[in-house]
Amino acid sequence: MTTLHFHKYQGTGNDFVMIDDRARQFDTTDYKLVRHLCDRRMGIGADGLILLRQHADYNFEMVYFNADGHLGSMCGNGGRCTVAFAKQLHVIKDHAHFLAADGPHEARVDPDGTVHLRMQNVTGQQVVEEHGIFLDTGSPHIVQFLSGNALSELDVFAKGQAVRYSDYFREKGTNVNFVEAPAMVGQPWQVRTYERGVEDETLSCGTGVTAVALAASRQGANSPVHLRTRGGDLRVSFEAQPDGSFTQVYLSGPATWVFEGNIPC
């Protein structure tokens, strides 16, 4: 039995086991170990696990696993936490150029700890009948806009699972975001998200709020969009293009170190 050193980070309540794997010793095929480490009762507990690895052409590479143990697509809050982790390890200073599952990203860290992560350009939106607006912001997302004050009482697990495992999305799956528009100008858009891979509601989802902000722009929201998740506030800025695409997309918010330790594995 060996001992694994880890750090725990969270970005607006979206939490991650972070491992300094610059020596590339972690077995990326050991899905049972990843699932165990993310287990909130038998392991450390997290929405996902992230390896920080060396890369010849970038400051570092981010390798992200969902809590179910399998390699995942891009994770926005996880990306921001990885940038903060890289700064803690002195891999970077205040700027980063790194590789993730969906390609290269840039980021910067403000003196107050806010991490601004540049997301990939988004080509457009697709209206999926009965389900909502579909966008791919590095991970696939459905956005459903709710009327009134329905969000606080919504059964996100049941409603999200129904969409995620619907016939339309069954093969690939999707994340599902439920959104309440602000009652007054200047107030945040309220967001709750069901995440695939976690298969439950999470306190926040970075690629999710990015999808919501872009979808909300078609309903009059101006960049930057202020969004509130159950775990805290995030901002998304972008440039909307005439062809329906979005460029210069940035996800901004806190990324916080929680604790570190060792665990036998």
C-alpha atoms as a PDB file:
ATOM      1  CA  MET A   1       0.000   0.000   0.000  1.00  0.00           C
ATOM      2  CA  THR A   2       1.277   3.459  -0.929  1.00  0.00           C
ATOM      3  CA  THR A   3       0.376   6.916   0.344  1.00  0.00           C
ATOM      4  CA  LEU A   4      -0.984   9.596  -1.953  1.00  0.00           C
ATOM      5  CA  HIS A   5      -0.513  13.276  -1.160  1.00  0.00           C
ATOM      6  CA  PHE A   6      -3.408  15.484  -2.237  1.00  0.00           C
ATOM      7  CA  HIS A   7      -4.833  18.978  -1.976  1.00  0.00           C
ATOM      8  CA  LYS A   8      -8.496  19.917  -1.838  1.00  0.00           C
ATOM      9  CA  TYR A   9      -9.767  23.000  -3.703  1.00  0.00           C
ATOM     10  CA  GLN A  10     -13.217  24.426  -4.275  1.00  0.00           C
ATOM     11  CA  GLY A  11     -14.603  26.982  -6.705  1.00  0.00           C
ATOM     12  CA  THR A  12     -17.981  28.309  -5.540  1.00  0.00           C
ATOM     13  CA  GLY A  13     -18.680  24.991  -3.851  1.00  0.00           C
ATOM     14  CA  ASN A  14     -17.608  22.828  -6.795  1.00  0.00           C
ATOM     15  CA  ASP A  15     -14.876  20.796  -5.061  1.00  0.00           C
ATOM     16  CA  PHE A  16     -11.920  18.813  -6.368  1.00  0.00           C
ATOM     17  CA  VAL A  17      -9.164  16.488  -5.234  1.00  0.00           C
ATOM     18  CA  MET A  18      -5.994  17.998  -6.711  1.00  0.00           C
ATOM     19  CA  ILE A  19      -2.846  15.933  -7.271  1.00  0.00           C
ATOM     20  CA  ASP A  20       0.581  17.193  -8.255  1.00  0.00           C
ATOM     21  CA  ASP A  21       1.386  14.544 -10.875  1.00  0.00           C
ATOM     22  CA  ARG A  22       4.260  16.273 -12.636  1.00  0.00           C
ATOM     23  CA  ALA A  23       6.192  13.004 -12.234  1.00  0.00           C
ATOM     24  CA  ARG A  24       3.344  11.188 -14.072  1.00  0.00           C
ATOM     25  CA  GLN A  25       3.023   8.396 -11.518  1.00  0.00           C
ATOM     26  CA  PHE A  26      -0.772   8.378 -11.204  1.00  0.00           C
ATOM     27  CA  ASP A  27      -2.459   5.530 -13.106  1.00  0.00           C
ATOM     28  CA  THR A  28      -5.097   7.238 -15.244  1.00  0.00           C
ATOM     29  CA  THR A  29      -6.773   3.877 -15.955  1.00  0.00           C
ATOM     30  CA  ASP A  30      -7.445   3.181 -12.261  1.00  0.00           C
ATOM     31  CA  TYR A  31     -11.070   4.333 -12.294  1.00  0.00           C
ATOM     32  CA  LYS A  32     -11.844   2.542  -9.021  1.00  0.00           C
ATOM     33  CA  LEU A  33      -9.193   4.563  -7.202  1.00  0.00           C
ATOM     34  CA  VAL A  34     -10.507   7.848  -8.591  1.00  0.00           C
ATOM     35  CA  ARG A  35     -14.053   6.906  -7.615  1.00  0.00           C
ATOM     36  CA  HIS A  36     -12.855   5.949  -4.124  1.00  0.00           C
ATOM     37  CA  LEU A  37     -10.962   9.209  -3.614  1.00  0.00           C
ATOM     38  CA  CYS A  38     -14.032  11.228  -4.670  1.00  0.00           C
ATOM     39  CA  ASP A  39     -16.383   9.244  -2.418  1.00  0.00           C
ATOM     40  CA  ARG A  40     -17.716  11.515   0.339  1.00  0.00           C
ATOM     41  CA  ARG A  41     -18.076   8.709   2.879  1.00  0.00           C
ATOM     42  CA  MET A  42     -15.209   6.313   2.183  1.00  0.00           C
ATOM     43  CA  GLY A  43     -12.654   8.659   0.588  1.00  0.00           C
ATOM     44  CA  ILE A  44     -11.735  12.348   0.537  1.00  0.00           C
ATOM     45  CA  GLY A  45     -14.923  13.547  -1.097  1.00  0.00           C
ATOM     46  CA  ALA A  46     -15.190  15.691  -4.224  1.00  0.00           C
ATOM     47  CA  ASP A  47     -17.114  16.395  -7.420  1.00  0.00           C
ATOM     48  CA  GLY A  48     -14.028  15.388  -9.392  1.00  0.00           C
ATOM     49  CA  LEU A  49     -10.310  14.659  -9.340  1.00  0.00           C
ATOM     50  CA  ILE A  50      -7.674  16.649 -11.225  1.00  0.00           C
ATOM     51  CA  LEU A  51      -4.078  15.835 -12.089  1.00  0.00           C
ATOM     52  CA  LEU A  52      -1.630  18.658 -12.756  1.00  0.00           C
ATOM     53  CA  ARG A  53       0.990  17.329 -15.174  1.00  0.00           C
ATOM     54  CA  GLN A  54       4.009  18.727 -16.981  1.00  0.00           C
ATOM     55  CA  HIS A  55       3.687  19.441 -20.685  1.00  0.00           C
ATOM     56  CA  ALA A  56       6.434  20.378 -23.121  1.00  0.00           C
ATOM     57  CA  ASP A  57       4.403  23.106 -24.863  1.00  0.00           C
ATOM     58  CA  TYR A  58       2.366  24.548 -21.987  1.00  0.00           C
ATOM     59  CA  ASN A  59       2.805  25.613 -18.378  1.00  0.00           C
ATOM     60  CA  PHE A  60       0.970  22.431 -17.408  1.00  0.00           C
ATOM     61  CA  GLU A  61      -1.679  19.943 -18.458  1.00  0.00           C
ATOM     62  CA  MET A  62      -4.960  19.505 -16.596  1.00  0.00           C
ATOM     63  CA  VAL A  63      -6.360  15.946 -16.563  1.00  0.00           C
ATOM     64  CA  TYR A  64      -9.899  15.861 -15.182  1.00  0.00           C
ATOM     65  CA  PHE A  65     -11.883  12.878 -13.870  1.00  0.00           C
ATOM     66  CA  ASN A  66     -15.553  12.898 -12.959  1.00  0.00           C
ATOM     67  CA  ALA A  67     -16.557  11.596  -9.537  1.00  0.00           C
ATOM     68  CA  ASP A  68     -17.692   8.357 -11.210  1.00  0.00           C
ATOM     69  CA  GLY A  69     -14.011   7.628 -11.913  1.00  0.00           C
ATOM     70  CA  HIS A  70     -13.973   8.244 -15.648  1.00  0.00           C
ATOM     71  CA  LEU A  71     -12.086  10.863 -17.606  1.00  0.00           C
ATOM     72  CA  GLY A  72     -14.287  13.890 -18.141  1.00  0.00           C
ATOM     73  CA  SER A  73     -14.640  16.748 -20.578  1.00  0.00           C
ATOM     74  CA  MET A  74     -13.698  20.327 -19.705  1.00  0.00           C
ATOM     75  CA  CYS A  75     -14.525  21.545 -16.198  1.00  0.00           C
ATOM     76  CA  GLY A  76     -14.615  25.324 -15.819  1.00  0.00           C
ATOM     77  CA  ASN A  77     -14.442  25.568 -12.042  1.00  0.00           C
ATOM     78  CA  GLY A  78     -11.893  22.757 -12.054  1.00  0.00           C
ATOM     79  CA  GLY A  79      -9.814  24.713 -14.542  1.00  0.00           C
ATOM     80  CA  ARG A  80      -9.861  27.777 -12.314  1.00  0.00           C
ATOM     81  CA  CYS A  81      -8.878  25.643  -9.313  1.00  0.00           C
ATOM     82  CA  THR A  82      -6.051  24.040 -11.275  1.00  0.00           C
ATOM     83  CA  VAL A  83      -4.688  27.479 -12.139  1.00  0.00           C
ATOM     84  CA  ALA A  84      -4.764  28.430  -8.441  1.00  0.00           C
ATOM     85  CA  PHE A  85      -3.072  25.112  -7.600  1.00  0.00           C
ATOM     86  CA  ALA A  86      -0.366  25.760 -10.201  1.00  0.00           C
ATOM     87  CA  LYS A  87       0.273  29.149  -8.637  1.00  0.00           C
ATOM     88  CA  GLN A  88       0.547  27.554  -5.176  1.00  0.00           C
ATOM     89  CA  LEU A  89       3.093  25.068  -6.570  1.00  0.00           C
ATOM     90  CA  HIS A  90       5.039  27.947  -8.217  1.00  0.00           C
ATOM     91  CA  VAL A  91       4.455  26.390 -11.630  1.00  0.00           C
ATOM     92  CA  ILE A  92       3.099  29.792 -12.724  1.00  0.00           C
ATOM     93  CA  LYS A  93       3.036  33.308 -11.321  1.00  0.00           C
ATOM     94  CA  ASP A  94      -0.091  35.204 -12.316  1.00  0.00           C
ATOM     95  CA  HIS A  95      -0.698  33.967 -15.874  1.00  0.00           C
ATOM     96  CA  ALA A  96      -1.163  30.487 -17.280  1.00  0.00           C
ATOM     97  CA  HIS A  97      -1.266  28.805 -20.675  1.00  0.00           C
ATOM     98  CA  PHE A  98      -2.350  25.217 -20.173  1.00  0.00           C
ATOM     99  CA  LEU A  99      -3.855  22.228 -21.926  1.00  0.00           C
ATOM    100  CA  ALA A 100      -7.188  20.635 -20.970  1.00  0.00           C
ATOM    101  CA  ALA A 101      -9.494  18.030 -22.486  1.00  0.00           C
ATOM    102  CA  ASP A 102     -11.000  20.513 -24.954  1.00  0.00           C
ATOM    103  CA  GLY A 103      -7.722  22.148 -25.973  1.00  0.00           C
ATOM    104  CA  PRO A 104      -5.536  25.065 -24.805  1.00  0.00           C
ATOM    105  CA  HIS A 105      -6.676  27.703 -22.305  1.00  0.00           C
ATOM    106  CA  GLU A 106      -5.329  30.954 -20.934  1.00  0.00           C
ATOM    107  CA  ALA A 107      -5.915  32.307 -17.440  1.00  0.00           C
ATOM    108  CA  ARG A 108      -4.804  34.978 -15.026  1.00  0.00           C
ATOM    109  CA  VAL A 109      -4.999  35.296 -11.246  1.00  0.00           C
ATOM    110  CA  ASP A 110      -5.838  38.629  -9.603  1.00  0.00           C
ATOM    111  CA  PRO A 111      -4.237  39.696  -6.299  1.00  0.00           C
ATOM    112  CA  ASP A 112      -7.521  38.921  -4.489  1.00  0.00           C
ATOM    113  CA  GLY A 113      -7.440  35.321  -5.778  1.00  0.00           C
ATOM    114  CA  THR A 114     -10.047  35.716  -8.510  1.00  0.00           C
ATOM    115  CA  VAL A 115      -9.206  33.467 -11.459  1.00  0.00           C
ATOM    116  CA  HIS A 116     -10.192  34.549 -14.960  1.00  0.00           C
ATOM    117  CA  LEU A 117     -10.275  31.532 -17.266  1.00  0.00           C
ATOM    118  CA  ARG A 118     -10.608  31.883 -21.010  1.00  0.00           C
ATOM    119  CA  MET A 119     -12.994  29.279 -22.357  1.00  0.00           C
ATOM    120  CA  GLN A 120     -13.141  27.964 -25.903  1.00  0.00           C
ATOM    121  CA  ASN A 121     -15.122  29.871 -28.522  1.00  0.00           C
ATOM    122  CA  VAL A 122     -18.702  28.620 -28.746  1.00  0.00           C
ATOM    123  CA  THR A 123     -20.129  28.177 -32.217  1.00  0.00           C
ATOM    124  CA  GLY A 124     -23.816  28.566 -31.455  1.00  0.00           C
ATOM    125  CA  GLN A 125     -26.958  27.337 -29.815  1.00  0.00           C
ATOM    126  CA  GLN A 126     -29.482  24.664 -30.699  1.00  0.00           C
ATOM    127  CA  VAL A 127     -33.071  24.568 -29.500  1.00  0.00           C
ATOM    128  CA  VAL A 128     -33.888  21.015 -28.472  1.00  0.00           C
ATOM    129  CA  GLU A 129     -37.655  20.527 -28.381  1.00  0.00           C
ATOM    130  CA  GLU A 130     -39.014  19.849 -24.870  1.00  0.00           C
ATOM    131  CA  HIS A 131     -35.576  20.131 -23.259  1.00  0.00           C
ATOM    132  CA  GLY A 132     -34.260  23.671 -23.777  1.00  0.00           C
ATOM    133  CA  ILE A 133     -31.263  25.322 -25.398  1.00  0.00           C
ATOM    134  CA  PHE A 134     -28.183  23.192 -26.060  1.00  0.00           C
ATOM    135  CA  LEU A 135     -24.646  24.585 -26.076  1.00  0.00           C
ATOM    136  CA  ASP A 136     -21.207  23.017 -25.869  1.00  0.00           C
ATOM    137  CA  THR A 137     -18.909  25.133 -23.694  1.00  0.00           C
ATOM    138  CA  GLY A 138     -16.223  22.467 -23.423  1.00  0.00           C
ATOM    139  CA  SER A 139     -18.878  20.168 -21.959  1.00  0.00           C
ATOM    140  CA  PRO A 140     -22.418  19.637 -23.284  1.00  0.00           C
ATOM    141  CA  HIS A 141     -25.170  21.634 -21.572  1.00  0.00           C
ATOM    142  CA  ILE A 142     -28.910  22.073 -21.753  1.00  0.00           C
ATOM    143  CA  VAL A 143     -30.264  25.387 -20.432  1.00  0.00           C
ATOM    144  CA  GLN A 144     -33.873  25.630 -19.284  1.00  0.00           C
ATOM    145  CA  PHE A 145     -35.298  29.040 -18.364  1.00  0.00           C
ATOM    146  CA  LEU A 146     -37.961  28.886 -15.660  1.00  0.00           C
ATOM    147  CA  SER A 147     -40.753  31.365 -15.023  1.00  0.00           C
ATOM    148  CA  GLY A 148     -41.607  32.928 -11.678  1.00  0.00           C
ATOM    149  CA  ASN A 149     -39.830  31.711  -8.541  1.00  0.00           C
ATOM    150  CA  ALA A 150     -39.839  28.023  -9.421  1.00  0.00           C
ATOM    151  CA  LEU A 151     -36.093  27.465  -9.039  1.00  0.00           C
ATOM    152  CA  SER A 152     -35.874  27.343  -5.242  1.00  0.00           C
ATOM    153  CA  GLU A 153     -38.433  24.533  -4.990  1.00  0.00           C
ATOM    154  CA  LEU A 154     -37.338  22.603  -8.075  1.00  0.00           C
ATOM    155  CA  ASP A 155     -36.335  18.945  -7.716  1.00  0.00           C
ATOM    156  CA  VAL A 156     -33.099  19.383  -9.676  1.00  0.00           C
ATOM    157  CA  PHE A 157     -32.053  15.764  -9.237  1.00  0.00           C
ATOM    158  CA  ALA A 158     -35.263  14.308 -10.690  1.00  0.00           C
ATOM    159  CA  LYS A 159     -35.727  16.896 -13.417  1.00  0.00           C
ATOM    160  CA  GLY A 160     -32.068  16.897 -14.394  1.00  0.00           C
ATOM    161  CA  GLN A 161     -31.802  13.121 -14.455  1.00  0.00           C
ATOM    162  CA  ALA A 162     -34.878  12.896 -16.679  1.00  0.00           C
ATOM    163  CA  VAL A 163     -33.247  15.134 -19.296  1.00  0.00           C
ATOM    164  CA  ARG A 164     -29.768  13.636 -18.947  1.00  0.00           C
ATOM    165  CA  TYR A 165     -31.102  10.100 -19.559  1.00  0.00           C
ATOM    166  CA  SER A 166     -33.785  11.065 -22.072  1.00  0.00           C
ATOM    167  CA  ASP A 167     -33.812   9.289 -25.416  1.00  0.00           C
ATOM    168  CA  TYR A 168     -32.351  12.387 -27.083  1.00  0.00           C
ATOM    169  CA  PHE A 169     -29.257  12.506 -24.841  1.00  0.00           C
ATOM    170  CA  ARG A 170     -29.013   8.897 -23.715  1.00  0.00           C
ATOM    171  CA  GLU A 171     -25.985   7.965 -25.835  1.00  0.00           C
ATOM    172  CA  LYS A 172     -23.703  10.850 -24.797  1.00  0.00           C
ATOM    173  CA  GLY A 173     -25.497  12.441 -21.874  1.00  0.00           C
ATOM    174  CA  THR A 174     -25.631  16.113 -21.001  1.00  0.00           C
ATOM    175  CA  ASN A 175     -25.443  18.473 -18.064  1.00  0.00           C
ATOM    176  CA  VAL A 176     -28.691  20.269 -17.284  1.00  0.00           C
ATOM    177  CA  ASN A 177     -29.015  23.854 -16.044  1.00  0.00           C
ATOM    178  CA  PHE A 178     -32.171  25.414 -14.625  1.00  0.00           C
ATOM    179  CA  VAL A 179     -32.245  29.206 -14.692  1.00  0.00           C
ATOM    180  CA  GLU A 180     -34.270  31.995 -13.153  1.00  0.00           C
ATOM    181  CA  ALA A 181     -33.935  35.454 -14.691  1.00  0.00           C
ATOM    182  CA  PRO A 182     -33.304  38.410 -12.366  1.00  0.00           C
ATOM    183  CA  ALA A 183     -36.344  40.319 -11.183  1.00  0.00           C
ATOM    184  CA  MET A 184     -34.484  43.638 -11.485  1.00  0.00           C
ATOM    185  CA  VAL A 185     -31.624  44.949 -13.609  1.00  0.00           C
ATOM    186  CA  GLY A 186     -28.316  44.438 -11.827  1.00  0.00           C
ATOM    187  CA  GLN A 187     -29.394  41.348  -9.932  1.00  0.00           C
ATOM    188  CA  PRO A 188     -27.770  37.983 -10.760  1.00  0.00           C
ATOM    189  CA  TRP A 189     -29.197  35.180 -12.851  1.00  0.00           C
ATOM    190  CA  GLN A 190     -29.945  32.247 -10.531  1.00  0.00           C
ATOM    191  CA  VAL A 191     -28.606  28.865 -11.683  1.00  0.00           C
ATOM    192  CA  ARG A 192     -28.849  25.287 -10.439  1.00  0.00           C
ATOM    193  CA  THR A 193     -27.118  22.435 -12.294  1.00  0.00           C
ATOM    194  CA  TYR A 194     -27.386  18.663 -12.573  1.00  0.00           C
ATOM    195  CA  GLU A 195     -23.966  17.340 -13.608  1.00  0.00           C
ATOM    196  CA  ARG A 196     -23.340  14.160 -15.539  1.00  0.00           C
ATOM    197  CA  GLY A 197     -20.458  12.139 -14.065  1.00  0.00           C
ATOM    198  CA  VAL A 198     -21.497  13.285 -10.605  1.00  0.00           C
ATOM    199  CA  GLU A 199     -25.087  12.282 -11.441  1.00  0.00           C
ATOM    200  CA  ASP A 200     -26.522  14.771  -8.990  1.00  0.00           C
ATOM    201  CA  GLU A 201     -26.883  18.473  -8.396  1.00  0.00           C
ATOM    202  CA  THR A 202     -23.618  20.256  -7.626  1.00  0.00           C
ATOM    203  CA  LEU A 203     -23.268  23.574  -5.825  1.00  0.00           C
ATOM    204  CA  SER A 204     -21.822  25.153  -8.968  1.00  0.00           C
ATOM    205  CA  CYS A 205     -20.737  24.297 -12.506  1.00  0.00           C
ATOM    206  CA  GLY A 206     -18.354  26.532 -14.443  1.00  0.00           C
ATOM    207  CA  THR A 207     -19.105  25.314 -17.949  1.00  0.00           C
ATOM    208  CA  GLY A 208     -22.767  25.373 -16.922  1.00  0.00           C
ATOM    209  CA  VAL A 209     -22.908  29.029 -15.921  1.00  0.00           C
ATOM    210  CA  THR A 210     -20.938  29.820 -19.092  1.00  0.00           C
ATOM    211  CA  ALA A 211     -23.645  28.118 -21.136  1.00  0.00           C
ATOM    212  CA  VAL A 212     -26.337  29.963 -19.182  1.00  0.00           C
ATOM    213  CA  ALA A 213     -24.691  33.355 -19.733  1.00  0.00           C
ATOM    214  CA  LEU A 214     -24.405  32.787 -23.479  1.00  0.00           C
ATOM    215  CA  ALA A 215     -27.996  31.573 -23.731  1.00  0.00           C
ATOM    216  CA  ALA A 216     -29.160  34.509 -21.592  1.00  0.00           C
ATOM    217  CA  SER A 217     -27.492  36.950 -23.974  1.00  0.00           C
ATOM    218  CA  ARG A 218     -30.178  36.057 -26.486  1.00  0.00           C
ATOM    219  CA  GLN A 219     -32.706  37.181 -23.875  1.00  0.00           C
ATOM    220  CA  GLY A 220     -31.124  40.567 -23.367  1.00  0.00           C
ATOM    221  CA  ALA A 221     -28.310  39.850 -20.883  1.00  0.00           C
ATOM    222  CA  ASN A 222     -25.234  41.987 -21.511  1.00  0.00           C
ATOM    223  CA  SER A 223     -21.622  40.962 -20.947  1.00  0.00           C
ATOM    224  CA  PRO A 224     -20.390  40.521 -18.286  1.00  0.00           C
ATOM    225  CA  VAL A 225     -23.237  38.409 -16.910  1.00  0.00           C
ATOM    226  CA  HIS A 226     -23.485  38.013 -13.124  1.00  0.00           C
ATOM    227  CA  LEU A 227     -24.653  34.529 -12.106  1.00  0.00           C
ATOM    228  CA  ARG A 228     -25.432  33.094  -8.685  1.00  0.00           C
ATOM    229  CA  THR A 229     -25.123  29.386  -7.924  1.00  0.00           C
ATOM    230  CA  ARG A 230     -25.847  27.678  -4.629  1.00  0.00           C
ATOM    231  CA  GLY A 231     -22.103  27.813  -3.921  1.00  0.00           C
ATOM    232  CA  GLY A 232     -21.468  31.448  -4.807  1.00  0.00           C
ATOM    233  CA  ASP A 233     -21.226  34.054  -7.544  1.00  0.00           C
ATOM    234  CA  LEU A 234     -19.483  33.878 -10.916  1.00  0.00           C
ATOM    235  CA  ARG A 235     -19.169  36.210 -13.888  1.00  0.00           C
ATOM    236  CA  VAL A 236     -19.007  35.389 -17.574  1.00  0.00           C
ATOM    237  CA  SER A 237     -17.839  37.863 -20.199  1.00  0.00           C
ATOM    238  CA  PHE A 238     -17.927  37.358 -23.961  1.00  0.00           C
ATOM    239  CA  GLU A 239     -18.224  38.935 -27.375  1.00  0.00           C
ATOM    240  CA  ALA A 240     -21.327  37.907 -29.335  1.00  0.00           C
ATOM    241  CA  GLN A 241     -20.722  37.611 -33.072  1.00  0.00           C
ATOM    242  CA  PRO A 242     -23.259  38.267 -35.884  1.00  0.00           C
ATOM    243  CA  ASP A 243     -23.167  34.602 -36.944  1.00  0.00           C
ATOM    244  CA  GLY A 244     -24.385  33.488 -33.494  1.00  0.00           C
ATOM    245  CA  SER A 245     -21.001  32.396 -32.184  1.00  0.00           C
ATOM    246  CA  PHE A 246     -19.234  33.712 -29.087  1.00  0.00           C
ATOM    247  CA  THR A 247     -15.568  34.665 -28.722  1.00  0.00           C
ATOM    248  CA  GLN A 248     -13.396  36.034 -25.920  1.00  0.00           C
ATOM    249  CA  VAL A 249     -15.383  33.957 -23.417  1.00  0.00           C
ATOM    250  CA  TYR A 250     -14.079  34.286 -19.848  1.00  0.00           C
ATOM    251  CA  LEU A 251     -15.281  32.575 -16.669  1.00  0.00           C
ATOM    252  CA  SER A 252     -14.296  34.510 -13.528  1.00  0.00           C
ATOM    253  CA  GLY A 253     -14.593  33.727  -9.847  1.00  0.00           C
ATOM    254  CA  PRO A 254     -12.809  32.494  -6.721  1.00  0.00           C
ATOM    255  CA  ALA A 255     -10.742  29.321  -6.460  1.00  0.00           C
ATOM    256  CA  THR A 256      -9.986  28.408  -2.868  1.00  0.00           C
ATOM    257  CA  TRP A 257      -7.554  26.012  -1.206  1.00  0.00           C
ATOM    258  CA  VAL A 258      -9.370  23.995   1.481  1.00  0.00           C
ATOM    259  CA  PHE A 259      -6.850  21.539   2.951  1.00  0.00           C
ATOM    260  CA  GLU A 260      -4.187  18.990   2.088  1.00  0.00           C
ATOM    261  CA  GLY A 261      -3.287  15.575   3.401  1.00  0.00           C
ATOM    262  CA  ASN A 262      -2.194  12.019   2.732  1.00  0.00           C
ATOM    263  CA  ILE A 263      -4.383   9.001   2.083  1.00  0.00           C
ATOM    264  CA  PRO A 264      -3.401   5.333   1.741  1.00  0.00           C
ATOM    265  CA  CYS A 265      -4.266   3.786  -1.613  1.00  0.00           C
END
